[in-house]
């Protein structure tokens, strides 16, 4: 499975570990399950570990549709901190486009290159 989900309720953290080529439909399914709480109640901290994944097949329209989907969960996403860890420049550009499209809903989303920086930011209390 390209995306596995790990929940840590004690840390209020959900980690999505992504591997290989990710499709639009896989990403949408994971987001819907998370915000609808069909697996477990949503956490306030999310880590997308995409260091071994590729999203370069996503089109501009896909990015827009994913952002629009997330924007539809505005109430559920309120107060959520999201860290995305990537290793490829093309993934970085795609995530930046997503961030720009979803800025109304996701105020706390940062893209990182190192996992320890991402987890440190997630654990840091809001000031």
Foldseek 3Di string as FASTA:
>chain_A
DQWDWDDDVVLLEIEIEGAEEDDLVNLQVVVCCQLVQVPHDHGQEYEYECAHYDDLVDDLVSLLVSLVSQLVSLVSNPNHAYEYEYADPSVVVSVVSSCVNNCVRHVHYDYHPDPVVRVVVRSDDDD
